[in-house]
Amino acid sequence: MNTLKKLEKCLIGKPRYGSNEFFRRLVEALCLRGKLDLAELYELPYDDFKLALEIMQDWRLDQYTKTKERLRELVMLPNVTE
């Protein structure tokens, strides 16, 4: 399963899941070039830690594709010109 599908499954399938707030902040920081306390990564359960790393890796690799737009939609961020 690709990273966006995993994130979507987590955010939509388990809306009250504890790590979702971190995932939202992570995506917001990536999309809006904001700051994020990376120490929070170590507080995540291991599977969520791996997903967070996958999100960051995919973001870096796919920065010029439509992946960014889909990621913004998942966490309901405005589409801002960078």
Protein backbone atom coordinates (compact mmCIF):
# COMPACT_ATOMS: atom_id res chain seq x y z
CA MET A 1 0.00 0.00 0.00
CA ASN A 2 1.43 3.38 -0.88
CA THR A 3 2.12 6.02 1.74
CA LEU A 4 -0.82 8.28 0.89
CA LYS A 5 -3.22 5.35 1.12
CA LYS A 6 -1.79 4.41 4.52
CA LEU A 7 -2.18 7.98 5.76
CA GLU A 8 -5.67 8.26 4.32
CA LYS A 9 -6.68 4.98 5.95
CA CYS A 10 -5.40 6.22 9.29
CA LEU A 11 -6.96 9.71 9.10
CA ILE A 12 -10.34 8.65 7.73
CA GLY A 13 -10.66 5.13 9.10
CA LYS A 14 -9.62 6.04 12.65
CA PRO A 15 -10.45 9.74 13.05
CA ARG A 16 -9.77 9.76 16.80
CA TYR A 17 -6.48 7.84 16.57
CA GLY A 18 -3.79 9.40 18.77
CA SER A 19 -1.11 9.87 16.09
CA ASN A 20 -3.44 11.62 13.64
CA GLU A 21 -2.82 15.02 15.19
CA PHE A 22 0.91 14.56 14.68
CA PHE A 23 0.35 13.48 11.07
CA ARG A 24 -1.72 16.62 10.47
CA ARG A 25 1.00 18.82 11.95
CA LEU A 26 3.64 17.00 9.91
CA VAL A 27 1.77 17.53 6.65
CA GLU A 28 1.03 21.14 7.55
CA ALA A 29 4.72 21.77 8.26
CA LEU A 30 5.71 20.18 4.95
CA CYS A 31 3.05 21.96 2.88
CA LEU A 32 3.41 25.36 4.48
CA ARG A 33 7.14 25.14 5.16
CA GLY A 34 6.49 25.43 8.86
CA LYS A 35 8.32 24.13 11.87
CA LEU A 36 7.78 20.80 13.58
CA ASP A 37 9.37 19.39 16.70
CA LEU A 38 10.99 16.22 15.38
CA ALA A 39 11.38 14.93 18.93
CA GLU A 40 7.67 14.10 18.70
CA LEU A 41 8.57 11.37 16.20
CA TYR A 42 10.09 9.32 19.01
CA GLU A 43 6.87 9.43 20.99
CA LEU A 44 4.94 7.71 18.18
CA PRO A 45 4.28 3.97 18.14
CA TYR A 46 6.83 2.31 15.85
CA ASP A 47 4.43 1.75 12.90
CA ASP A 48 3.38 5.41 13.02
CA PHE A 49 7.03 6.44 13.27
CA LYS A 50 7.73 4.47 10.07
CA LEU A 51 4.70 6.06 8.36
CA ALA A 52 5.91 9.54 9.33
CA LEU A 53 9.32 8.78 7.82
CA GLU A 54 7.66 7.45 4.66
CA ILE A 55 5.59 10.64 4.40
CA MET A 56 8.73 12.78 4.64
CA GLN A 57 10.62 10.57 2.18
CA ASP A 58 7.77 10.63 -0.35
CA TRP A 59 7.41 14.39 0.09
CA ARG A 60 11.05 14.85 -0.78
CA LEU A 61 10.91 12.51 -3.78
CA ASP A 62 7.53 13.71 -5.10
CA GLN A 63 7.84 17.42 -4.51
CA TYR A 64 6.98 18.22 -8.12
CA THR A 65 4.02 15.90 -8.55
CA LYS A 66 0.36 16.01 -7.62
CA THR A 67 1.15 14.13 -4.41
CA LYS A 68 1.44 17.46 -2.61
CA GLU A 69 -2.06 18.45 -3.63
CA ARG A 70 -3.52 15.14 -2.45
CA LEU A 71 -1.65 15.41 0.84
CA ARG A 72 -3.05 18.91 1.39
CA GLU A 73 -6.55 17.62 0.71
CA LEU A 74 -6.16 14.81 3.23
CA VAL A 75 -5.55 17.23 6.08
CA MET A 76 -7.72 20.00 4.61
CA LEU A 77 -5.01 22.62 4.10
CA PRO A 78 -5.50 25.49 1.67
CA ASN A 79 -3.66 25.22 -1.63
CA VAL A 80 -1.00 27.90 -1.33
CA THR A 81 1.39 28.85 -4.12
CA GLU A 82 4.93 28.18 -3.01
